[in-house]
């Protein structure tokens, strides 16, 4: 605010003062009590002064700051500070978009701490706040300040994954996975004639003494290379469906239970931690138009970037359908995380599989609670679930691995890893 709004103090104080003075005057005249009339004179004089005295409005400012969590109790704490020239401020708080609180607070910057429980991972509006200034006698109320909000990115949990599926064509030159190309560090490959460029320390003297055909021939022992893999996580954020089917389409995240995006963020973080923990590279793509992407990388710092992007991923807008699939490195293992109600995620998975990538379709639909559904709603649910099963059947028929995250994903992914193709 660049200036101050000057106005007369026509407010609650004037109304009470004027009515009080009139009531005392009428009562004194009716009962012939000059003393009662005299009691109303000071009140009338103060009211008259408040009418003709002009003052500057006293605006207030609202500031929100996140409080770092000291323990893992699932609470989001935010400090609200009100500053300004008003004597007091009426503060309106909306916590987690559910509970509304109205407080009368001083404007000296003393913190007011608001706490709310995070029911879901991802972007969460912890607090919405607005305020308006109040004078000491309550005769001046400023207009409310614009509503500001504190959005916190809540990190999902993670499941320990012992092994992840690998691509049949590993392209990296350094890592922990047994490759199929000539290199160093892997298992025995063959015995070969020494050629320029071979290291002398790799000469197998026993094989040379036993198998050399001419004097001076040397035989070297060759091994496979140890390679790293590239894991690509593709998150479909078109739907955010909760356990309670009755809440679908209502946006009631308080009663929805665990949602599909909760499971998707958990799966994405678990895959990223497992991959980077074994020295592999990880890339993240959100399948929306203009969705965030994290390029392929490795190491703890890269893992922190990926986890931050996962925690900041929310449901896509209706007009944010991705136009084209993001580019992925050659020989990648692609994890497509979706509910597969919409055919877009399955289409891009099939396209990647046709390009030669190994694709794992991760089904993140939670276990459904069908209570409180009418007969018509149950029939509609059965119909869309049958269509979804057709989509998953087409994926399996196209040699795409399918795993349900709400079951035992670590066992299923380990079995897929052992069946390397």
Protein backbone atom coordinates (compact mmCIF):
# COMPACT_ATOMS: atom_id res chain seq x y z
CA UNK A 1 0.00 0.00 0.00
CA UNK A 2 1.51 3.29 -1.11
CA UNK A 3 -0.69 5.71 0.81
CA UNK A 4 -3.20 5.93 3.62
CA UNK A 5 -6.96 6.09 3.29
CA UNK A 6 -8.29 9.04 5.34
CA UNK A 7 -11.88 8.68 6.47
CA UNK A 8 -14.27 9.53 9.35
CA UNK A 9 -14.64 7.07 12.16
CA UNK A 10 -18.16 5.89 11.48
CA UNK A 11 -18.07 2.49 13.08
CA UNK A 12 -19.32 0.38 15.99
CA UNK A 13 -18.03 2.88 18.58
CA UNK A 14 -20.06 5.72 17.08
CA UNK A 15 -23.21 3.58 16.95
CA UNK A 16 -22.93 2.46 20.59
CA UNK A 17 -22.04 5.96 21.80
CA UNK A 18 -24.88 7.66 19.96
CA UNK A 19 -27.49 5.11 21.03
CA UNK A 20 -26.23 5.14 24.61
CA UNK A 21 -26.39 8.93 24.86
CA UNK A 22 -29.93 9.00 23.41
CA UNK A 23 -31.09 6.23 25.74
CA UNK A 24 -29.76 8.02 28.84
CA UNK A 25 -31.30 11.33 27.75
CA UNK A 26 -34.73 9.75 27.15
CA UNK A 27 -34.61 7.88 30.45
CA UNK A 28 -33.68 11.07 32.34
CA UNK A 29 -36.53 13.04 30.77
CA UNK A 30 -39.10 10.32 31.42
CA UNK A 31 -38.16 9.90 35.05
CA UNK A 32 -37.29 13.56 35.63
CA UNK A 33 -33.74 12.63 36.60
CA UNK A 34 -31.24 15.31 35.61
CA UNK A 35 -28.41 13.15 36.92
CA UNK A 36 -29.16 10.45 34.33
CA UNK A 37 -29.20 13.09 31.58
CA UNK A 38 -25.84 14.34 32.87
CA UNK A 39 -24.41 10.83 32.67
CA UNK A 40 -25.14 10.82 28.94
CA UNK A 41 -23.42 14.14 28.24
CA UNK A 42 -19.80 12.82 28.31
CA UNK A 43 -20.83 9.95 26.08
CA UNK A 44 -22.49 12.35 23.63
CA UNK A 45 -19.42 14.60 23.60
CA UNK A 46 -17.05 11.68 22.88
CA UNK A 47 -19.36 10.51 20.09
CA UNK A 48 -19.37 13.97 18.54
CA UNK A 49 -15.58 14.14 18.70
CA UNK A 50 -15.32 10.75 16.99
CA UNK A 51 -17.57 11.97 14.18
CA UNK A 52 -15.65 15.12 13.35
CA UNK A 53 -12.15 13.82 14.12
CA UNK A 54 -10.52 12.30 11.01
CA UNK A 55 -7.86 9.67 11.29
CA UNK A 56 -5.72 7.64 8.97
CA UNK A 57 -6.61 4.01 8.48
CA UNK A 58 -4.11 1.66 9.99
CA UNK A 59 -3.36 -1.14 7.52
CA UNK A 60 -1.83 -4.44 8.62
CA UNK A 61 0.50 -6.86 6.90
CA UNK A 62 0.36 -10.67 7.16
CA UNK A 63 3.47 -12.83 6.82
CA UNK A 64 3.67 -16.63 6.86
CA UNK A 65 6.79 -18.66 7.56
CA UNK A 66 7.21 -22.42 7.76
CA UNK A 67 8.45 -23.95 10.99
CA UNK A 68 10.98 -26.76 10.38
CA UNK A 69 9.76 -30.11 11.66
CA UNK A 70 11.59 -31.36 14.72
CA UNK A 71 9.95 -34.78 14.80
CA UNK A 72 8.12 -37.03 12.37
CA UNK A 73 4.59 -36.55 13.70
CA UNK A 74 3.01 -35.56 10.39
CA UNK A 75 2.18 -32.03 11.56
CA UNK A 76 2.68 -28.92 9.45
CA UNK A 77 3.50 -25.89 11.57
CA UNK A 78 3.37 -22.33 10.28
CA UNK A 79 4.07 -19.06 12.07
CA UNK A 80 1.76 -16.14 11.28
CA UNK A 81 2.98 -12.62 12.10
CA UNK A 82 0.77 -9.51 11.97
CA UNK A 83 2.41 -6.10 11.77
CA UNK A 84 0.95 -2.65 11.22
CA UNK A 85 -0.24 0.55 12.86
CA UNK A 86 -3.61 -0.73 14.05
CA UNK A 87 -4.04 -1.49 17.73
CA UNK A 88 -5.25 -5.02 17.08
CA UNK A 89 -6.04 -7.24 14.14
CA UNK A 90 -8.77 -9.74 13.41
CA UNK A 91 -6.96 -12.78 12.01
CA UNK A 92 -8.81 -15.42 10.00
CA UNK A 93 -6.98 -18.76 9.57
CA UNK A 94 -8.01 -21.70 7.43
CA UNK A 95 -5.95 -24.77 8.35
CA UNK A 96 -5.50 -27.52 5.76
CA UNK A 97 -8.55 -26.14 3.92
CA UNK A 98 -10.78 -27.69 6.60
CA UNK A 99 -10.92 -25.69 9.85
CA UNK A 100 -11.49 -21.93 10.12
CA UNK A 101 -10.27 -19.99 13.16
CA UNK A 102 -10.86 -16.29 14.00
CA UNK A 103 -8.50 -14.66 16.45
CA UNK A 104 -7.92 -11.18 17.88
CA UNK A 105 -4.16 -10.67 17.92
CA UNK A 106 -1.77 -7.76 18.54
CA UNK A 107 0.04 -6.14 15.62
CA UNK A 108 3.51 -6.12 17.17
CA UNK A 109 4.76 -9.09 15.14
CA UNK A 110 4.27 -11.69 17.86
CA UNK A 111 4.06 -15.09 16.16
CA UNK A 112 0.86 -17.09 16.08
CA UNK A 113 1.61 -20.76 15.40
CA UNK A 114 -0.87 -22.72 13.30
CA UNK A 115 -0.59 -26.51 13.20
CA UNK A 116 -2.36 -28.91 10.89
CA UNK A 117 -1.92 -32.57 10.08
CA UNK A 118 -0.83 -33.61 6.60
CA UNK A 119 -3.25 -36.28 5.41
CA UNK A 120 -1.53 -36.73 2.06
CA UNK A 121 1.85 -36.29 0.45
CA UNK A 122 2.57 -33.77 -2.28
CA UNK A 123 1.63 -30.08 -2.37
CA UNK A 124 -0.55 -29.24 0.64
CA UNK A 125 -2.04 -25.86 1.55
CA UNK A 126 -1.07 -25.76 5.22
CA UNK A 127 -2.59 -22.36 6.08
CA UNK A 128 -4.63 -19.60 4.46
CA UNK A 129 -4.63 -16.28 6.30
CA UNK A 130 -6.10 -12.80 6.06
CA UNK A 131 -6.48 -9.98 8.59
CA UNK A 132 -7.93 -6.52 9.09
CA UNK A 133 -6.97 -3.81 11.54
CA UNK A 134 -9.07 -2.83 14.55
CA UNK A 135 -8.64 0.30 16.70
CA UNK A 136 -8.78 0.20 20.49
CA UNK A 137 -12.39 1.37 20.67
CA UNK A 138 -13.40 -0.80 17.71
CA UNK A 139 -14.56 2.21 15.73
CA UNK A 140 -12.31 1.55 12.80
CA UNK A 141 -12.16 -1.74 10.88
CA UNK A 142 -9.90 -1.89 7.84
CA UNK A 143 -10.78 -3.91 4.78
CA UNK A 144 -9.44 -7.43 4.92
CA UNK A 145 -6.01 -8.05 3.44
CA UNK A 146 -5.73 -10.36 0.42
CA UNK A 147 -5.76 -14.02 1.36
CA UNK A 148 -2.27 -15.52 1.37
CA UNK A 149 -1.48 -19.18 1.68
CA UNK A 150 1.45 -21.35 2.73
CA UNK A 151 1.93 -24.35 0.43
CA UNK A 152 4.14 -27.13 1.76
CA UNK A 153 5.48 -30.04 -0.27
CA UNK A 154 5.07 -33.13 1.90
CA UNK A 155 7.50 -35.92 1.08
CA UNK A 156 5.97 -39.38 0.61
CA UNK A 157 7.08 -42.50 2.39
CA UNK A 158 9.30 -45.08 0.72
CA UNK A 159 9.34 -48.86 0.37
CA UNK A 160 12.64 -50.72 0.33
CA UNK A 161 13.12 -52.43 -3.03
CA UNK A 162 15.93 -55.04 -3.06
CA UNK A 163 16.15 -55.27 -6.86
CA UNK A 164 14.76 -53.54 -9.91
CA UNK A 165 14.25 -54.92 -13.43
CA UNK A 166 17.08 -54.20 -15.86
CA UNK A 167 17.21 -53.57 -19.56
CA UNK A 168 18.69 -56.37 -21.70
CA UNK A 169 20.99 -53.77 -23.29
CA UNK A 170 22.97 -51.91 -20.66
CA UNK A 171 24.85 -49.00 -22.18
CA UNK A 172 26.82 -47.69 -19.21
CA UNK A 173 30.53 -48.36 -18.71
CA UNK A 174 30.64 -48.11 -14.91
CA UNK A 175 28.25 -49.66 -12.44
CA UNK A 176 27.33 -52.78 -10.52
CA UNK A 177 25.35 -54.77 -13.11
CA UNK A 178 26.82 -57.51 -15.24
CA UNK A 179 26.95 -56.26 -18.81
CA UNK A 180 27.20 -58.13 -22.07
CA UNK A 181 29.97 -56.11 -23.65
CA UNK A 182 33.68 -56.53 -23.43
CA UNK A 183 35.17 -54.62 -20.52
CA UNK A 184 36.51 -54.87 -17.02
CA UNK A 185 35.16 -55.92 -13.66
CA UNK A 186 32.60 -58.47 -14.78
CA UNK A 187 32.53 -62.23 -15.07
CA UNK A 188 34.77 -64.29 -17.31
CA UNK A 189 34.01 -63.87 -21.01
CA UNK A 190 36.61 -65.87 -23.01
CA UNK A 191 40.29 -66.50 -23.79
CA UNK A 192 41.46 -64.50 -26.77
CA UNK A 193 44.60 -63.91 -28.80
CA UNK A 194 46.63 -60.94 -27.58
CA UNK A 195 46.16 -57.90 -29.85
CA UNK A 196 47.62 -54.38 -29.66
CA UNK A 197 45.79 -52.46 -26.97
CA UNK A 198 45.42 -55.38 -24.56
CA UNK A 199 47.00 -54.93 -21.13
CA UNK A 200 49.94 -57.18 -20.31
CA UNK A 201 48.58 -57.77 -16.84
CA UNK A 202 45.65 -59.59 -18.41
CA UNK A 203 47.87 -62.23 -20.07
CA UNK A 204 46.82 -65.69 -18.85
CA UNK A 205 50.18 -67.48 -18.66
CA UNK A 206 48.68 -70.86 -17.93
CA UNK A 207 46.40 -70.68 -20.93
CA UNK A 208 49.32 -69.41 -23.02
CA UNK A 209 51.52 -72.37 -22.00
CA UNK A 210 48.74 -74.81 -22.68
CA UNK A 211 47.07 -73.41 -25.77
CA UNK A 212 49.60 -71.25 -27.66
CA UNK A 213 50.04 -72.51 -31.21
CA UNK A 214 53.34 -70.75 -32.03
CA UNK A 215 56.22 -69.49 -29.95
CA UNK A 216 55.63 -65.92 -28.92
CA UNK A 217 51.84 -66.10 -28.99
CA UNK A 218 50.11 -64.71 -25.92
CA UNK A 219 46.57 -65.34 -24.73
CA UNK A 220 44.62 -62.89 -22.59
CA UNK A 221 41.70 -63.48 -20.28
CA UNK A 222 38.77 -61.20 -21.17
CA UNK A 223 35.81 -60.27 -18.96
CA UNK A 224 32.48 -58.53 -19.36
CA UNK A 225 32.04 -54.96 -18.30
CA UNK A 226 30.15 -53.78 -15.23
CA UNK A 227 27.46 -51.37 -16.39
CA UNK A 228 25.00 -49.00 -14.83
CA UNK A 229 21.37 -48.73 -15.85
CA UNK A 230 19.05 -45.81 -16.56
CA UNK A 231 15.68 -45.80 -14.80
CA UNK A 232 13.01 -43.44 -16.10
CA UNK A 233 10.01 -42.66 -13.87
CA UNK A 234 6.97 -41.40 -15.78
CA UNK A 235 4.14 -40.20 -13.51
CA UNK A 236 0.59 -39.87 -14.85
CA UNK A 237 -1.12 -37.20 -12.71
CA UNK A 238 -4.43 -36.99 -14.57
CA UNK A 239 -6.35 -38.73 -11.75
CA UNK A 240 -6.19 -38.58 -7.97
CA UNK A 241 -8.57 -41.29 -6.80
CA UNK A 242 -8.98 -42.23 -3.15
CA UNK A 243 -9.79 -45.49 -1.43
CA UNK A 244 -13.36 -44.36 -0.72
CA UNK A 245 -15.08 -44.45 -4.10
CA UNK A 246 -17.91 -42.22 -2.82
CA UNK A 247 -15.45 -39.29 -2.69
CA UNK A 248 -14.40 -39.54 -6.34
CA UNK A 249 -14.96 -36.28 -8.18
CA UNK A 250 -15.66 -34.30 -5.00
CA UNK A 251 -12.14 -33.33 -4.03
CA UNK A 252 -12.81 -34.45 -0.44
CA UNK A 253 -9.26 -35.40 0.49
CA UNK A 254 -10.12 -35.52 4.20
CA UNK A 255 -12.38 -38.56 3.80
CA UNK A 256 -10.85 -40.10 0.68
CA UNK A 257 -8.19 -42.18 2.42
CA UNK A 258 -4.98 -42.98 0.59
CA UNK A 259 -5.15 -41.69 -2.97
CA UNK A 260 -3.61 -42.90 -6.20
CA UNK A 261 -1.20 -39.93 -6.27
CA UNK A 262 -0.09 -40.80 -2.72
CA UNK A 263 0.85 -44.26 -3.97
CA UNK A 264 2.37 -42.83 -7.14
CA UNK A 265 4.65 -40.48 -5.21
CA UNK A 266 5.61 -43.29 -2.85
CA UNK A 267 6.40 -45.61 -5.75
CA UNK A 268 8.44 -42.93 -7.54
CA UNK A 269 10.53 -42.19 -4.46
CA UNK A 270 11.07 -45.89 -3.72
CA UNK A 271 12.24 -46.59 -7.27
CA UNK A 272 14.55 -43.57 -7.26
CA UNK A 273 16.15 -44.53 -3.94
CA UNK A 274 16.63 -48.15 -5.00
CA UNK A 275 18.16 -47.18 -8.35
CA UNK A 276 20.55 -44.53 -7.06
CA UNK A 277 21.44 -46.77 -4.14
CA UNK A 278 22.93 -49.26 -6.62
CA UNK A 279 24.74 -46.61 -8.64
CA UNK A 280 22.22 -46.31 -11.47
CA UNK A 281 20.91 -43.16 -13.13
CA UNK A 282 17.38 -41.86 -12.65
CA UNK A 283 15.22 -39.48 -14.70
CA UNK A 284 11.77 -38.19 -13.78
CA UNK A 285 9.01 -37.00 -16.12
CA UNK A 286 5.49 -35.88 -15.22
CA UNK A 287 3.17 -36.77 -18.08
CA UNK A 288 1.44 -33.40 -18.40
CA UNK A 289 1.86 -30.53 -20.81
CA UNK A 290 4.60 -28.41 -19.28
CA UNK A 291 5.08 -30.93 -16.46
CA UNK A 292 8.31 -30.90 -14.53
CA UNK A 293 11.18 -33.11 -15.62
CA UNK A 294 14.46 -34.03 -14.00
CA UNK A 295 17.19 -35.12 -16.37
CA UNK A 296 19.02 -38.39 -15.91
CA UNK A 297 21.66 -38.34 -13.19
CA UNK A 298 23.11 -40.21 -10.25
CA UNK A 299 24.36 -39.56 -6.76
CA UNK A 300 22.88 -38.30 -3.51
CA UNK A 301 22.49 -34.70 -4.68
CA UNK A 302 20.58 -35.84 -7.74
CA UNK A 303 18.39 -38.03 -5.53
CA UNK A 304 17.54 -34.97 -3.43
CA UNK A 305 16.47 -33.10 -6.59
CA UNK A 306 14.31 -36.02 -7.71
CA UNK A 307 12.67 -36.35 -4.29
CA UNK A 308 11.93 -32.62 -4.18
CA UNK A 309 10.29 -32.82 -7.62
CA UNK A 310 8.23 -35.83 -6.55
CA UNK A 311 7.01 -34.07 -3.39
CA UNK A 312 6.00 -31.04 -5.47
CA UNK A 313 3.95 -33.08 -7.96
CA UNK A 314 0.19 -32.66 -7.66
CA UNK A 315 -2.83 -33.43 -9.79
CA UNK A 316 -2.73 -32.03 -13.30
CA UNK A 317 -5.27 -29.55 -14.57
CA UNK A 318 -7.93 -30.74 -16.97
CA UNK A 319 -6.29 -29.04 -19.97
CA UNK A 320 -2.76 -30.20 -19.16
CA UNK A 321 -2.75 -33.47 -21.11
CA UNK A 322 0.73 -34.09 -22.49
CA UNK A 323 1.13 -33.56 -26.20
CA UNK A 324 3.99 -35.95 -26.84
CA UNK A 325 6.01 -38.42 -24.77
CA UNK A 326 9.24 -37.10 -23.27
CA UNK A 327 12.55 -38.33 -24.72
CA UNK A 328 14.26 -41.13 -22.82
CA UNK A 329 17.84 -42.47 -23.08
CA UNK A 330 18.53 -45.54 -25.17
CA UNK A 331 18.30 -48.82 -23.27
CA UNK A 332 16.26 -47.40 -20.37
CA UNK A 333 13.89 -49.18 -18.03
CA UNK A 334 10.73 -47.05 -17.94
CA UNK A 335 8.32 -47.19 -15.00
CA UNK A 336 4.92 -45.77 -15.97
CA UNK A 337 2.95 -44.91 -12.82
CA UNK A 338 -0.78 -44.58 -13.47
CA UNK A 339 -4.27 -45.79 -12.57
CA UNK A 340 -4.71 -46.71 -16.27
CA UNK A 341 -8.31 -45.53 -16.39
CA UNK A 342 -7.28 -43.18 -19.16
CA UNK A 343 -5.74 -44.74 -22.24
CA UNK A 344 -3.09 -42.03 -22.65
CA UNK A 345 -0.64 -43.59 -20.17
CA UNK A 346 -1.06 -47.05 -21.69
CA UNK A 347 -0.57 -45.66 -25.20
CA UNK A 348 2.75 -44.07 -24.33
CA UNK A 349 3.82 -47.25 -22.50
CA UNK A 350 3.07 -49.32 -25.60
CA UNK A 351 4.95 -46.85 -27.79
CA UNK A 352 8.03 -47.05 -25.56
CA UNK A 353 7.84 -50.85 -25.57
CA UNK A 354 7.64 -50.87 -29.36
CA UNK A 355 10.80 -48.73 -29.41
CA UNK A 356 12.71 -51.50 -27.63
CA UNK A 357 12.68 -50.19 -24.06
CA UNK A 358 11.76 -52.39 -21.15
CA UNK A 359 8.57 -50.94 -19.68
CA UNK A 360 7.07 -51.62 -16.26
CA UNK A 361 3.48 -50.46 -15.74
CA UNK A 362 2.99 -49.67 -12.06
CA UNK A 363 -0.70 -49.74 -11.12
CA UNK A 364 -1.23 -47.21 -8.31
CA UNK A 365 -4.99 -47.61 -7.85
CA UNK A 366 -5.61 -48.12 -4.10
CA UNK A 367 -7.75 -50.88 -2.61
CA UNK A 368 -11.28 -49.60 -3.13
CA UNK A 369 -13.91 -49.07 -0.44
CA UNK A 370 -17.28 -49.41 -2.16
CA UNK A 371 -19.46 -48.57 0.83
CA UNK A 372 -22.05 -45.79 0.55
CA UNK A 373 -22.49 -46.44 -3.18
CA UNK A 374 -25.90 -46.72 -4.76
CA UNK A 375 -26.78 -49.58 -7.08
CA UNK A 376 -26.27 -47.38 -10.12
CA UNK A 377 -22.89 -46.24 -8.87
CA UNK A 378 -21.77 -49.82 -8.26
CA UNK A 379 -22.74 -50.77 -11.81
CA UNK A 380 -20.84 -47.77 -13.19
CA UNK A 381 -17.80 -48.69 -11.10
CA UNK A 382 -17.86 -52.28 -12.37
CA UNK A 383 -17.98 -50.95 -15.94
CA UNK A 384 -14.95 -48.66 -15.65
CA UNK A 385 -12.99 -51.34 -13.75
CA UNK A 386 -13.70 -53.82 -16.55
CA UNK A 387 -12.43 -51.30 -19.11
CA UNK A 388 -9.31 -50.80 -17.00
CA UNK A 389 -8.68 -54.56 -16.92
CA UNK A 390 -8.83 -54.58 -20.72
CA UNK A 391 -6.14 -51.88 -20.79
CA UNK A 392 -3.91 -53.87 -18.41
CA UNK A 393 -4.50 -57.03 -20.47
CA UNK A 394 -3.34 -55.22 -23.61
CA UNK A 395 -0.19 -54.11 -21.81
CA UNK A 396 0.64 -57.65 -20.70
CA UNK A 397 -0.03 -58.95 -24.20
CA UNK A 398 2.51 -56.44 -25.54
CA UNK A 399 5.24 -57.72 -23.21
CA UNK A 400 4.88 -54.85 -20.73
CA UNK A 401 5.45 -55.90 -17.12
CA UNK A 402 2.55 -54.96 -14.82
CA UNK A 403 2.88 -54.65 -11.05
CA UNK A 404 0.37 -53.43 -8.46
CA UNK A 405 1.90 -51.08 -5.94
CA UNK A 406 -0.70 -51.68 -3.24
CA UNK A 407 0.14 -55.37 -3.08
CA UNK A 408 3.68 -56.72 -2.61
CA UNK A 409 5.67 -54.63 -5.12
CA UNK A 410 9.09 -55.56 -3.76
CA UNK A 411 8.48 -59.28 -4.39
CA UNK A 412 7.04 -58.69 -7.85
CA UNK A 413 9.86 -56.36 -8.90
CA UNK A 414 12.48 -58.80 -7.61
CA UNK A 415 10.92 -61.59 -9.66
CA UNK A 416 10.96 -59.34 -12.73
CA UNK A 417 14.61 -58.50 -12.10
CA UNK A 418 15.56 -62.17 -12.00
CA UNK A 419 13.76 -62.78 -15.30
CA UNK A 420 16.14 -60.55 -17.25
CA UNK A 421 15.33 -60.49 -20.94
